[in-house]
């Protein structure tokens, strides 16, 4: 820490040379402002790292595991056993869809005439 104080004092001496070389002094002021900004960022980062080291694994909240209950229903209302649980067999569903298509075709052709 004493090194930084000594550097700051030496820097202040350079700043006082503003009368002799104003452009150089202006550049030094800009460099000091950038140094201070970086110093603040590094201090914040250091504090964040120290705080992160203090955190225990048990303190981190974890998401809840999904339930393995087979009676539970998902948001659509179907059970988890399979996608077609509670539906008619595939052959019956195909027959119904063929019937609906035939009915639509006959209605369509009726209006076409």
PDB file of N, CA and C in Angstrom:
ATOM      1  N   UNK A   1       0.823  -1.194   0.000  1.00  0.00           N
ATOM      2  CA  UNK A   1       0.000   0.000   0.000  1.00  0.00           C
ATOM      3  C   UNK A   1       0.864   1.254   0.000  1.00  0.00           C
ATOM      4  N   UNK A   2       1.993   1.187   0.674  1.00  0.00           N
ATOM      5  CA  UNK A   2       2.876   2.357   0.715  1.00  0.00           C
ATOM      6  C   UNK A   2       3.470   2.653  -0.651  1.00  0.00           C
ATOM      7  N   UNK A   3       3.600   1.612  -1.481  1.00  0.00           N
ATOM      8  CA  UNK A   3       4.113   1.833  -2.835  1.00  0.00           C
ATOM      9  C   UNK A   3       3.141   2.695  -3.622  1.00  0.00           C
ATOM     10  N   UNK A   4       1.845   2.405  -3.472  1.00  0.00           N
ATOM     11  CA  UNK A   4       0.847   3.189  -4.191  1.00  0.00           C
ATOM     12  C   UNK A   4       0.840   4.639  -3.725  1.00  0.00           C
ATOM     13  N   UNK A   5       1.030   4.850  -2.428  1.00  0.00           N
ATOM     14  CA  UNK A   5       1.059   6.218  -1.908  1.00  0.00           C
ATOM     15  C   UNK A   5       2.264   6.959  -2.474  1.00  0.00           C
ATOM     16  N   UNK A   6       3.417   6.282  -2.534  1.00  0.00           N
ATOM     17  CA  UNK A   6       4.618   6.908  -3.086  1.00  0.00           C
ATOM     18  C   UNK A   6       4.421   7.223  -4.563  1.00  0.00           C
ATOM     19  N   UNK A   7       3.800   6.302  -5.291  1.00  0.00           N
ATOM     20  CA  UNK A   7       3.537   6.553  -6.710  1.00  0.00           C
ATOM     21  C   UNK A   7       2.583   7.725  -6.895  1.00  0.00           C
ATOM     22  N   UNK A   8       1.568   7.805  -6.035  1.00  0.00           N
ATOM     23  CA  UNK A   8       0.608   8.909  -6.111  1.00  0.00           C
ATOM     24  C   UNK A   8       1.315  10.244  -5.860  1.00  0.00           C
ATOM     25  N   UNK A   9       2.215  10.262  -4.874  1.00  0.00           N
ATOM     26  CA  UNK A   9       2.950  11.496  -4.584  1.00  0.00           C
ATOM     27  C   UNK A   9       3.818  11.906  -5.769  1.00  0.00           C
ATOM     28  N   UNK A  10       4.503  10.926  -6.368  1.00  0.00           N
ATOM     29  CA  UNK A  10       5.334  11.224  -7.534  1.00  0.00           C
ATOM     30  C   UNK A  10       4.469  11.719  -8.684  1.00  0.00           C
ATOM     31  N   UNK A  11       3.321  11.134  -8.810  1.00  0.00           N
ATOM     32  CA  UNK A  11       2.402  11.557  -9.866  1.00  0.00           C
ATOM     33  C   UNK A  11       1.922  12.992  -9.625  1.00  0.00           C
ATOM     34  N   UNK A  12       1.623  13.326  -8.383  1.00  0.00           N
ATOM     35  CA  UNK A  12       1.184  14.688  -8.067  1.00  0.00           C
ATOM     36  C   UNK A  12       2.275  15.710  -8.382  1.00  0.00           C
ATOM     37  N   UNK A  13       3.520  15.323  -8.195  1.00  0.00           N
ATOM     38  CA  UNK A  13       4.624  16.225  -8.559  1.00  0.00           C
ATOM     39  C   UNK A  13       4.619  16.463 -10.059  1.00  0.00           C
ATOM     40  N   UNK A  14       4.374  15.393 -10.828  1.00  0.00           N
ATOM     41  CA  UNK A  14       4.311  15.552 -12.286  1.00  0.00           C
ATOM     42  C   UNK A  14       3.148  16.447 -12.704  1.00  0.00           C
ATOM     43  N   UNK A  15       2.058  16.360 -12.000  1.00  0.00           N
ATOM     44  CA  UNK A  15       0.888  17.176 -12.330  1.00  0.00           C
ATOM     45  C   UNK A  15       1.205  18.660 -12.135  1.00  0.00           C
ATOM     46  N   UNK A  16       2.026  18.954 -11.145  1.00  0.00           N
ATOM     47  CA  UNK A  16       2.358  20.355 -10.873  1.00  0.00           C
ATOM     48  C   UNK A  16       3.194  20.977 -11.984  1.00  0.00           C
ATOM     49  N   UNK A  17       3.660  20.158 -12.885  1.00  0.00           N
ATOM     50  CA  UNK A  17       4.415  20.688 -14.016  1.00  0.00           C
ATOM     51  C   UNK A  17       3.484  21.225 -15.094  1.00  0.00           C
ATOM     52  N   UNK A  18       2.251  21.408 -14.738  1.00  0.00           N
ATOM     53  CA  UNK A  18       1.246  21.863 -15.699  1.00  0.00           C
ATOM     54  C   UNK A  18       1.630  23.203 -16.317  1.00  0.00           C
ATOM     55  N   UNK A  19       2.302  24.025 -15.557  1.00  0.00           N
ATOM     56  CA  UNK A  19       2.682  25.343 -16.088  1.00  0.00           C
ATOM     57  C   UNK A  19       3.675  25.202 -17.232  1.00  0.00           C
ATOM     58  N   UNK A  20       4.574  24.235 -17.116  1.00  0.00           N
ATOM     59  CA  UNK A  20       5.614  24.079 -18.127  1.00  0.00           C
ATOM     60  C   UNK A  20       5.101  23.382 -19.385  1.00  0.00           C
ATOM     61  N   UNK A  21       4.263  22.324 -19.206  1.00  0.00           N
ATOM     62  CA  UNK A  21       3.773  21.556 -20.369  1.00  0.00           C
ATOM     63  C   UNK A  21       2.314  21.175 -20.130  1.00  0.00           C
ATOM     64  N   UNK A  22       1.363  22.060 -20.526  1.00  0.00           N
ATOM     65  CA  UNK A  22      -0.051  21.790 -20.248  1.00  0.00           C
ATOM     66  C   UNK A  22      -0.587  20.525 -20.935  1.00  0.00           C
ATOM     67  N   UNK A  23      -0.114  20.215 -22.138  1.00  0.00           N
ATOM     68  CA  UNK A  23      -0.596  19.025 -22.847  1.00  0.00           C
ATOM     69  C   UNK A  23      -0.190  17.752 -22.102  1.00  0.00           C
ATOM     70  N   UNK A  24       1.030  17.725 -21.626  1.00  0.00           N
ATOM     71  CA  UNK A  24       1.515  16.574 -20.866  1.00  0.00           C
ATOM     72  C   UNK A  24       0.705  16.402 -19.581  1.00  0.00           C
ATOM     73  N   UNK A  25       0.405  17.511 -18.927  1.00  0.00           N
ATOM     74  CA  UNK A  25      -0.374  17.457 -17.687  1.00  0.00           C
ATOM     75  C   UNK A  25      -1.787  16.949 -17.962  1.00  0.00           C
ATOM     76  N   UNK A  26      -2.372  17.369 -19.089  1.00  0.00           N
ATOM     77  CA  UNK A  26      -3.714  16.904 -19.456  1.00  0.00           C
ATOM     78  C   UNK A  26      -3.710  15.394 -19.702  1.00  0.00           C
ATOM     79  N   UNK A  27      -2.689  14.909 -20.402  1.00  0.00           N
ATOM     80  CA  UNK A  27      -2.571  13.466 -20.632  1.00  0.00           C
ATOM     81  C   UNK A  27      -2.419  12.709 -19.314  1.00  0.00           C
ATOM     82  N   UNK A  28      -1.689  13.274 -18.395  1.00  0.00           N
ATOM     83  CA  UNK A  28      -1.498  12.636 -17.090  1.00  0.00           C
ATOM     84  C   UNK A  28      -2.811  12.576 -16.307  1.00  0.00           C
ATOM     85  N   UNK A  29      -3.615  13.624 -16.399  1.00  0.00           N
ATOM     86  CA  UNK A  29      -4.910  13.629 -15.701  1.00  0.00           C
ATOM     87  C   UNK A  29      -5.833  12.556 -16.276  1.00  0.00           C
ATOM     88  N   UNK A  30      -5.813  12.417 -17.603  1.00  0.00           N
ATOM     89  CA  UNK A  30      -6.629  11.372 -18.236  1.00  0.00           C
ATOM     90  C   UNK A  30      -6.153   9.984 -17.795  1.00  0.00           C
ATOM     91  N   UNK A  31      -4.851   9.808 -17.749  1.00  0.00           N
ATOM     92  CA  UNK A  31      -4.298   8.517 -17.323  1.00  0.00           C
ATOM     93  C   UNK A  31      -4.672   8.229 -15.873  1.00  0.00           C
ATOM     94  N   UNK A  32      -4.671   9.272 -15.031  1.00  0.00           N
ATOM     95  CA  UNK A  32      -5.048   9.079 -13.629  1.00  0.00           C
ATOM     96  C   UNK A  32      -6.510   8.666 -13.515  1.00  0.00           C
ATOM     97  N   UNK A  33      -7.377   9.298 -14.314  1.00  0.00           N
ATOM     98  CA  UNK A  33      -8.802   8.951 -14.281  1.00  0.00           C
ATOM     99  C   UNK A  33      -9.011   7.498 -14.707  1.00  0.00           C
ATOM    100  N   UNK A  34      -8.319   7.070 -15.755  1.00  0.00           N
ATOM    101  CA  UNK A  34      -8.427   5.683 -16.208  1.00  0.00           C
ATOM    102  C   UNK A  34      -7.898   4.716 -15.143  1.00  0.00           C
ATOM    103  N   UNK A  35      -6.802   5.102 -14.504  1.00  0.00           N
ATOM    104  CA  UNK A  35      -6.233   4.272 -13.439  1.00  0.00           C
ATOM    105  C   UNK A  35      -7.226   4.107 -12.299  1.00  0.00           C
ATOM    106  N   UNK A  36      -7.864   5.208 -11.903  1.00  0.00           N
ATOM    107  CA  UNK A  36      -8.834   5.143 -10.805  1.00  0.00           C
ATOM    108  C   UNK A  36     -10.030   4.263 -11.167  1.00  0.00           C
ATOM    109  N   UNK A  37     -10.494   4.357 -12.418  1.00  0.00           N
ATOM    110  CA  UNK A  37     -11.618   3.515 -12.857  1.00  0.00           C
ATOM    111  C   UNK A  37     -11.244   2.034 -12.783  1.00  0.00           C
ATOM    112  N   UNK A  38     -10.057   1.709 -13.306  1.00  0.00           N
ATOM    113  CA  UNK A  38      -9.619   0.311 -13.269  1.00  0.00           C
ATOM    114  C   UNK A  38      -9.419  -0.171 -11.836  1.00  0.00           C
ATOM    115  N   UNK A  39      -8.938   0.717 -10.984  1.00  0.00           N
ATOM    116  CA  UNK A  39      -8.718   0.358  -9.583  1.00  0.00           C
ATOM    117  C   UNK A  39     -10.037   0.011  -8.897  1.00  0.00           C
ATOM    118  N   UNK A  40     -11.080   0.810  -9.168  1.00  0.00           N
ATOM    119  CA  UNK A  40     -12.397   0.547  -8.577  1.00  0.00           C
ATOM    120  C   UNK A  40     -12.948  -0.781  -9.088  1.00  0.00           C
ATOM    121  N   UNK A  41     -12.798  -1.028 -10.390  1.00  0.00           N
ATOM    122  CA  UNK A  41     -13.278  -2.297 -10.956  1.00  0.00           C
ATOM    123  C   UNK A  41     -12.565  -3.490 -10.321  1.00  0.00           C
ATOM    124  N   UNK A  42     -11.263  -3.364 -10.136  1.00  0.00           N
ATOM    125  CA  UNK A  42     -10.502  -4.455  -9.527  1.00  0.00           C
ATOM    126  C   UNK A  42     -10.905  -4.667  -8.070  1.00  0.00           C
ATOM    127  N   UNK A  43     -11.188  -3.587  -7.352  1.00  0.00           N
ATOM    128  CA  UNK A  43     -11.628  -3.722  -5.963  1.00  0.00           C
ATOM    129  C   UNK A  43     -12.968  -4.441  -5.891  1.00  0.00           C
ATOM    130  N   UNK A  44     -13.883  -4.070  -6.784  1.00  0.00           N
ATOM    131  CA  UNK A  44     -15.197  -4.723  -6.811  1.00  0.00           C
ATOM    132  C   UNK A  44     -15.037  -6.206  -7.141  1.00  0.00           C
ATOM    133  N   UNK A  45     -14.211  -6.505  -8.141  1.00  0.00           N
ATOM    134  CA  UNK A  45     -13.980  -7.899  -8.518  1.00  0.00           C
ATOM    135  C   UNK A  45     -13.389  -8.687  -7.348  1.00  0.00           C
ATOM    136  N   UNK A  46     -12.421  -8.098  -6.659  1.00  0.00           N
ATOM    137  CA  UNK A  46     -11.791  -8.757  -5.517  1.00  0.00           C
ATOM    138  C   UNK A  46     -12.822  -9.068  -4.438  1.00  0.00           C
ATOM    139  N   UNK A  47     -13.698  -8.106  -4.150  1.00  0.00           N
ATOM    140  CA  UNK A  47     -14.738  -8.320  -3.140  1.00  0.00           C
ATOM    141  C   UNK A  47     -15.707  -9.418  -3.567  1.00  0.00           C
ATOM    142  N   UNK A  48     -16.055  -9.448  -4.864  1.00  0.00           N
ATOM    143  CA  UNK A  48     -16.960 -10.482  -5.357  1.00  0.00           C
ATOM    144  C   UNK A  48     -16.335 -11.869  -5.218  1.00  0.00           C
ATOM    145  N   UNK A  49     -15.059 -11.977  -5.531  1.00  0.00           N
ATOM    146  CA  UNK A  49     -14.374 -13.269  -5.409  1.00  0.00           C
ATOM    147  C   UNK A  49     -14.326 -13.706  -3.952  1.00  0.00           C
ATOM    148  N   UNK A  50     -14.019 -12.783  -3.061  1.00  0.00           N
ATOM    149  CA  UNK A  50     -13.969 -13.120  -1.631  1.00  0.00           C
ATOM    150  C   UNK A  50     -15.345 -13.556  -1.126  1.00  0.00           C
ATOM    151  N   UNK A  51     -16.404 -12.871  -1.562  1.00  0.00           N
ATOM    152  CA  UNK A  51     -17.755 -13.266  -1.156  1.00  0.00           C
ATOM    153  C   UNK A  51     -18.124 -14.632  -1.726  1.00  0.00           C
ATOM    154  N   UNK A  52     -17.705 -14.908  -2.966  1.00  0.00           N
ATOM    155  CA  UNK A  52     -18.006 -16.204  -3.582  1.00  0.00           C
ATOM    156  C   UNK A  52     -17.284 -17.337  -2.853  1.00  0.00           C
ATOM    157  N   UNK A  53     -16.104 -17.061  -2.333  1.00  0.00           N
ATOM    158  CA  UNK A  53     -15.376 -18.090  -1.594  1.00  0.00           C
ATOM    159  C   UNK A  53     -16.066 -18.436  -0.279  1.00  0.00           C
ATOM    160  N   UNK A  54     -16.822 -17.511   0.267  1.00  0.00           N
ATOM    161  CA  UNK A  54     -17.507 -17.740   1.537  1.00  0.00           C
ATOM    162  C   UNK A  54     -18.783 -18.568   1.378  1.00  0.00           C
ATOM    163  N   UNK A  55     -19.307 -18.663   0.161  1.00  0.00           N
ATOM    164  CA  UNK A  55     -20.559 -19.382  -0.076  1.00  0.00           C
ATOM    165  C   UNK A  55     -20.328 -20.881   0.070  1.00  0.00           C
ATOM    166  N   UNK A  56     -21.213 -21.523   0.807  1.00  0.00           N
ATOM    167  CA  UNK A  56     -21.145 -22.974   0.961  1.00  0.00           C
ATOM    168  C   UNK A  56     -22.063 -23.618  -0.069  1.00  0.00           C
ATOM    169  N   UNK A  57     -21.745 -24.811  -0.470  1.00  0.00           N
ATOM    170  CA  UNK A  57     -22.521 -25.501  -1.501  1.00  0.00           C
ATOM    171  C   UNK A  57     -23.960 -25.719  -1.048  1.00  0.00           C
ATOM    172  N   UNK A  58     -24.155 -25.947   0.230  1.00  0.00           N
ATOM    173  CA  UNK A  58     -25.509 -26.182   0.748  1.00  0.00           C
ATOM    174  C   UNK A  58     -26.388 -24.941   0.648  1.00  0.00           C
ATOM    175  N   UNK A  59     -25.777 -23.767   0.517  1.00  0.00           N
ATOM    176  CA  UNK A  59     -26.549 -22.524   0.455  1.00  0.00           C
ATOM    177  C   UNK A  59     -27.129 -22.270  -0.935  1.00  0.00           C
ATOM    178  N   UNK A  60     -26.625 -22.959  -1.957  1.00  0.00           N
ATOM    179  CA  UNK A  60     -27.086 -22.741  -3.327  1.00  0.00           C
ATOM    180  C   UNK A  60     -28.387 -23.504  -3.530  1.00  0.00           C
ATOM    181  N   UNK A  61     -29.480 -22.806  -3.874  1.00  0.00           N
ATOM    182  CA  UNK A  61     -30.751 -23.514  -4.072  1.00  0.00           C
ATOM    183  C   UNK A  61     -30.738 -24.289  -5.388  1.00  0.00           C
ATOM    184  N   UNK A  62     -31.231 -25.504  -5.337  1.00  0.00           N
ATOM    185  CA  UNK A  62     -31.315 -26.346  -6.526  1.00  0.00           C
ATOM    186  C   UNK A  62     -32.770 -26.467  -6.962  1.00  0.00           C
ATOM    187  N   UNK A  63     -33.020 -26.674  -8.256  1.00  0.00           N
ATOM    188  CA  UNK A  63     -34.404 -26.873  -8.694  1.00  0.00           C
ATOM    189  C   UNK A  63     -34.944 -28.189  -8.159  1.00  0.00           C
ATOM    190  N   UNK A  64     -36.239 -28.233  -7.982  1.00  0.00           N
ATOM    191  CA  UNK A  64     -36.855 -29.450  -7.462  1.00  0.00           C
ATOM    192  C   UNK A  64     -36.870 -30.524  -8.538  1.00  0.00           C
ATOM    193  N   UNK A  65     -36.643 -31.753  -8.131  1.00  0.00           N
ATOM    194  CA  UNK A  65     -36.668 -32.876  -9.060  1.00  0.00           C
ATOM    195  C   UNK A  65     -38.115 -33.189  -9.420  1.00  0.00           C
ATOM    196  N   UNK A  66     -38.374 -33.617 -10.663  1.00  0.00           N
ATOM    197  CA  UNK A  66     -39.746 -33.961 -11.031  1.00  0.00           C
ATOM    198  C   UNK A  66     -40.229 -35.177 -10.254  1.00  0.00           C
ATOM    199  N   UNK A  67     -41.506 -35.195  -9.993  1.00  0.00           N
ATOM    200  CA  UNK A  67     -42.096 -36.294  -9.239  1.00  0.00           C
ATOM    201  C   UNK A  67     -42.184 -37.533 -10.124  1.00  0.00           C
ATOM    202  N   UNK A  68     -41.986 -38.690  -9.534  1.00  0.00           N
ATOM    203  CA  UNK A  68     -42.094 -39.945 -10.271  1.00  0.00           C
ATOM    204  C   UNK A  68     -43.454 -40.591 -10.073  1.00  0.00           C
ATOM    205  N   UNK A  69     -44.409 -39.852  -9.558  1.00  0.00           N
ATOM    206  CA  UNK A  69     -45.758 -40.348  -9.302  1.00  0.00           C
ATOM    207  C   UNK A  69     -46.459 -40.578 -10.638  1.00  0.00           C
ATOM    208  N   UNK A  70     -46.922 -41.828 -10.910  1.00  0.00           N
ATOM    209  CA  UNK A  70     -47.575 -42.136 -12.183  1.00  0.00           C
ATOM    210  C   UNK A  70     -49.010 -41.638 -12.223  1.00  0.00           C
ATOM    211  N   UNK A  71     -49.587 -41.298 -11.086  1.00  0.00           N
ATOM    212  CA  UNK A  71     -50.952 -40.774 -11.083  1.00  0.00           C
ATOM    213  C   UNK A  71     -50.995 -39.278 -11.356  1.00  0.00           C
ATOM    214  N   UNK A  72     -49.843 -38.660 -11.315  1.00  0.00           N
ATOM    215  CA  UNK A  72     -49.790 -37.216 -11.565  1.00  0.00           C
ATOM    216  C   UNK A  72     -50.039 -36.944 -13.042  1.00  0.00           C
ATOM    217  N   UNK A  73     -50.771 -35.891 -13.337  1.00  0.00           N
ATOM    218  CA  UNK A  73     -51.060 -35.546 -14.731  1.00  0.00           C
ATOM    219  C   UNK A  73     -50.226 -34.339 -15.132  1.00  0.00           C
ATOM    220  N   UNK A  74     -49.833 -34.318 -16.395  1.00  0.00           N
ATOM    221  CA  UNK A  74     -49.089 -33.151 -16.859  1.00  0.00           C
ATOM    222  C   UNK A  74     -50.059 -32.036 -17.213  1.00  0.00           C
ATOM    223  N   UNK A  75     -49.541 -30.921 -17.713  1.00  0.00           N
ATOM    224  CA  UNK A  75     -50.386 -29.748 -17.934  1.00  0.00           C
ATOM    225  C   UNK A  75     -51.418 -29.953 -19.034  1.00  0.00           C
ATOM    226  N   UNK A  76     -51.256 -30.950 -19.890  1.00  0.00           N
ATOM    227  CA  UNK A  76     -52.249 -31.215 -20.932  1.00  0.00           C
ATOM    228  C   UNK A  76     -53.372 -32.075 -20.387  1.00  0.00           C
ATOM    229  N   UNK A  77     -53.099 -32.854 -19.364  1.00  0.00           N
ATOM    230  CA  UNK A  77     -54.128 -33.683 -18.769  1.00  0.00           C
ATOM    231  C   UNK A  77     -53.927 -35.157 -19.019  1.00  0.00           C
ATOM    232  N   UNK A  78     -52.909 -35.535 -19.787  1.00  0.00           N
ATOM    233  CA  UNK A  78     -52.651 -36.945 -20.032  1.00  0.00           C
ATOM    234  C   UNK A  78     -51.771 -37.491 -18.931  1.00  0.00           C
ATOM    235  N   UNK A  79     -51.865 -38.775 -18.708  1.00  0.00           N
ATOM    236  CA  UNK A  79     -50.971 -39.398 -17.739  1.00  0.00           C
ATOM    237  C   UNK A  79     -49.617 -39.608 -18.392  1.00  0.00           C
ATOM    238  N   UNK A  80     -48.610 -39.848 -17.563  1.00  0.00           N
ATOM    239  CA  UNK A  80     -47.257 -39.979 -18.060  1.00  0.00           C
ATOM    240  C   UNK A  80     -46.959 -41.341 -18.673  1.00  0.00           C
ATOM    241  N   UNK A  81     -47.853 -42.309 -18.548  1.00  0.00           N
ATOM    242  CA  UNK A  81     -47.541 -43.669 -18.992  1.00  0.00           C
ATOM    243  C   UNK A  81     -47.179 -43.710 -20.474  1.00  0.00           C
ATOM    244  N   UNK A  82     -47.977 -43.071 -21.312  1.00  0.00           N
ATOM    245  CA  UNK A  82     -47.663 -42.993 -22.733  1.00  0.00           C
ATOM    246  C   UNK A  82     -48.481 -41.859 -23.334  1.00  0.00           C
ATOM    247  N   UNK A  83     -48.141 -41.503 -24.546  1.00  0.00           N
ATOM    248  CA  UNK A  83     -48.850 -40.397 -25.194  1.00  0.00           C
ATOM    249  C   UNK A  83     -50.280 -40.755 -25.561  1.00  0.00           C
ATOM    250  N   UNK A  84     -50.549 -42.026 -25.853  1.00  0.00           N
ATOM    251  CA  UNK A  84     -51.900 -42.402 -26.270  1.00  0.00           C
ATOM    252  C   UNK A  84     -52.655 -43.115 -25.153  1.00  0.00           C
ATOM    253  N   UNK A  85     -52.297 -42.866 -23.901  1.00  0.00           N
ATOM    254  CA  UNK A  85     -52.976 -43.488 -22.771  1.00  0.00           C
ATOM    255  C   UNK A  85     -54.428 -43.022 -22.733  1.00  0.00           C
ATOM    256  N   UNK A  86     -55.354 -43.958 -22.664  1.00  0.00           N
ATOM    257  CA  UNK A  86     -56.773 -43.615 -22.579  1.00  0.00           C
ATOM    258  C   UNK A  86     -57.426 -43.375 -23.928  1.00  0.00           C
ATOM    259  N   UNK A  87     -56.684 -43.537 -25.008  1.00  0.00           N
ATOM    260  CA  UNK A  87     -57.265 -43.339 -26.331  1.00  0.00           C
ATOM    261  C   UNK A  87     -57.625 -44.702 -26.931  1.00  0.00           C
ATOM    262  N   UNK A  88     -58.443 -44.644 -27.961  1.00  0.00           N
ATOM    263  CA  UNK A  88     -58.835 -45.873 -28.652  1.00  0.00           C
ATOM    264  C   UNK A  88     -57.624 -46.457 -29.374  1.00  0.00           C
ATOM    265  N   UNK A  89     -57.658 -47.761 -29.682  1.00  0.00           N
ATOM    266  CA  UNK A  89     -56.553 -48.353 -30.431  1.00  0.00           C
ATOM    267  C   UNK A  89     -56.367 -47.655 -31.776  1.00  0.00           C
ATOM    268  N   UNK A  90     -55.166 -47.782 -32.317  1.00  0.00           N
ATOM    269  CA  UNK A  90     -54.822 -47.085 -33.558  1.00  0.00           C
ATOM    270  C   UNK A  90     -55.755 -47.468 -34.700  1.00  0.00           C
ATOM    271  N   UNK A  91     -56.137 -48.732 -34.812  1.00  0.00           N
ATOM    272  CA  UNK A  91     -57.002 -49.149 -35.924  1.00  0.00           C
ATOM    273  C   UNK A  91     -58.352 -48.446 -35.849  1.00  0.00           C
ATOM    274  N   UNK A  92     -58.903 -48.297 -34.651  1.00  0.00           N
ATOM    275  CA  UNK A  92     -60.191 -47.619 -34.504  1.00  0.00           C
ATOM    276  C   UNK A  92     -60.062 -46.143 -34.852  1.00  0.00           C
ATOM    277  N   UNK A  93     -58.938 -45.546 -34.487  1.00  0.00           N
ATOM    278  CA  UNK A  93     -58.749 -44.127 -34.811  1.00  0.00           C
ATOM    279  C   UNK A  93     -58.592 -43.928 -36.312  1.00  0.00           C
ATOM    280  N   UNK A  94     -57.927 -44.871 -36.988  1.00  0.00           N
ATOM    281  CA  UNK A  94     -57.787 -44.765 -38.441  1.00  0.00           C
ATOM    282  C   UNK A  94     -59.133 -44.897 -39.137  1.00  0.00           C
ATOM    283  N   UNK A  95     -59.950 -45.832 -38.684  1.00  0.00           N
ATOM    284  CA  UNK A  95     -61.281 -46.002 -39.270  1.00  0.00           C
ATOM    285  C   UNK A  95     -62.101 -44.725 -39.113  1.00  0.00           C
ATOM    286  N   UNK A  96     -62.028 -44.125 -37.948  1.00  0.00           N
ATOM    287  CA  UNK A  96     -62.784 -42.901 -37.700  1.00  0.00           C
ATOM    288  C   UNK A  96     -62.290 -41.777 -38.608  1.00  0.00           C
ATOM    289  N   UNK A  97     -60.969 -41.666 -38.785  1.00  0.00           N
ATOM    290  CA  UNK A  97     -60.450 -40.598 -39.639  1.00  0.00           C
ATOM    291  C   UNK A  97     -60.821 -40.843 -41.099  1.00  0.00           C
ATOM    292  N   UNK A  98     -60.848 -42.124 -41.560  1.00  0.00           N
ATOM    293  CA  UNK A  98     -61.271 -42.420 -42.931  1.00  0.00           C
ATOM    294  C   UNK A  98     -62.729 -42.048 -43.128  1.00  0.00           C
ATOM    295  N   UNK A  99     -63.553 -42.346 -42.126  1.00  0.00           N
ATOM    296  CA  UNK A  99     -64.969 -42.007 -42.204  1.00  0.00           C
ATOM    297  C   UNK A  99     -65.143 -40.488 -42.320  1.00  0.00           C
ATOM    298  N   UNK A 100     -64.407 -39.757 -41.513  1.00  0.00           N
ATOM    299  CA  UNK A 100     -64.511 -38.290 -41.553  1.00  0.00           C
ATOM    300  C   UNK A 100     -64.047 -37.749 -42.897  1.00  0.00           C
ATOM    301  N   UNK A 101     -62.976 -38.314 -43.454  1.00  0.00           N
ATOM    302  CA  UNK A 101     -62.492 -37.848 -44.752  1.00  0.00           C
ATOM    303  C   UNK A 101     -63.499 -38.148 -45.851  1.00  0.00           C
ATOM    304  N   UNK A 102     -64.094 -39.341 -45.825  1.00  0.00           N
ATOM    305  CA  UNK A 102     -65.105 -39.679 -46.828  1.00  0.00           C
ATOM    306  C   UNK A 102     -66.291 -38.731 -46.737  1.00  0.00           C
ATOM    307  N   UNK A 103     -66.700 -38.419 -45.538  1.00  0.00           N
ATOM    308  CA  UNK A 103     -67.829 -37.515 -45.354  1.00  0.00           C
ATOM    309  C   UNK A 103     -67.487 -36.129 -45.890  1.00  0.00           C
ATOM    310  N   UNK A 104     -66.263 -35.657 -45.617  1.00  0.00           N
ATOM    311  CA  UNK A 104     -65.846 -34.350 -46.128  1.00  0.00           C
ATOM    312  C   UNK A 104     -65.782 -34.353 -47.648  1.00  0.00           C
ATOM    313  N   UNK A 105     -65.247 -35.437 -48.231  1.00  0.00           N
ATOM    314  CA  UNK A 105     -65.162 -35.522 -49.685  1.00  0.00           C
ATOM    315  C   UNK A 105     -66.545 -35.496 -50.317  1.00  0.00           C
ATOM    316  N   UNK A 106     -67.478 -36.252 -49.749  1.00  0.00           N
ATOM    317  CA  UNK A 106     -68.823 -36.283 -50.332  1.00  0.00           C
ATOM    318  C   UNK A 106     -69.483 -34.912 -50.212  1.00  0.00           C
ATOM    319  N   UNK A 107     -69.263 -34.215 -49.102  1.00  0.00           N
ATOM    320  CA  UNK A 107     -69.835 -32.879 -48.938  1.00  0.00           C
ATOM    321  C   UNK A 107     -69.189 -31.915 -49.918  1.00  0.00           C
ATOM    322  N   UNK A 108     -67.888 -32.034 -50.120  1.00  0.00           N
ATOM    323  CA  UNK A 108     -67.179 -31.144 -51.024  1.00  0.00           C
ATOM    324  C   UNK A 108     -67.670 -31.332 -52.457  1.00  0.00           C
ATOM    325  N   UNK A 109     -67.771 -32.600 -52.888  1.00  0.00           N
ATOM    326  CA  UNK A 109     -68.210 -32.853 -54.252  1.00  0.00           C
ATOM    327  C   UNK A 109     -69.671 -32.483 -54.453  1.00  0.00           C
ATOM    328  N   UNK A 110     -70.453 -32.564 -53.413  1.00  0.00           N
ATOM    329  CA  UNK A 110     -71.861 -32.195 -53.518  1.00  0.00           C
ATOM    330  C   UNK A 110     -71.979 -30.708 -53.857  1.00  0.00           C
ATOM    331  N   UNK A 111     -71.139 -29.883 -53.232  1.00  0.00           N
ATOM    332  CA  UNK A 111     -71.203 -28.443 -53.490  1.00  0.00           C
ATOM    333  C   UNK A 111     -70.497 -28.056 -54.775  1.00  0.00           C
ATOM    334  N   UNK A 112     -69.672 -28.926 -55.317  1.00  0.00           N
ATOM    335  CA  UNK A 112     -68.982 -28.639 -56.565  1.00  0.00           C
ATOM    336  C   UNK A 112     -69.913 -28.762 -57.766  1.00  0.00           C
ATOM    337  N   UNK A 113     -70.965 -29.577 -57.649  1.00  0.00           N
ATOM    338  CA  UNK A 113     -71.866 -29.808 -58.787  1.00  0.00           C
ATOM    339  C   UNK A 113     -72.757 -28.677 -59.038  1.00  0.00           C
TER     340      UNK A 113
END
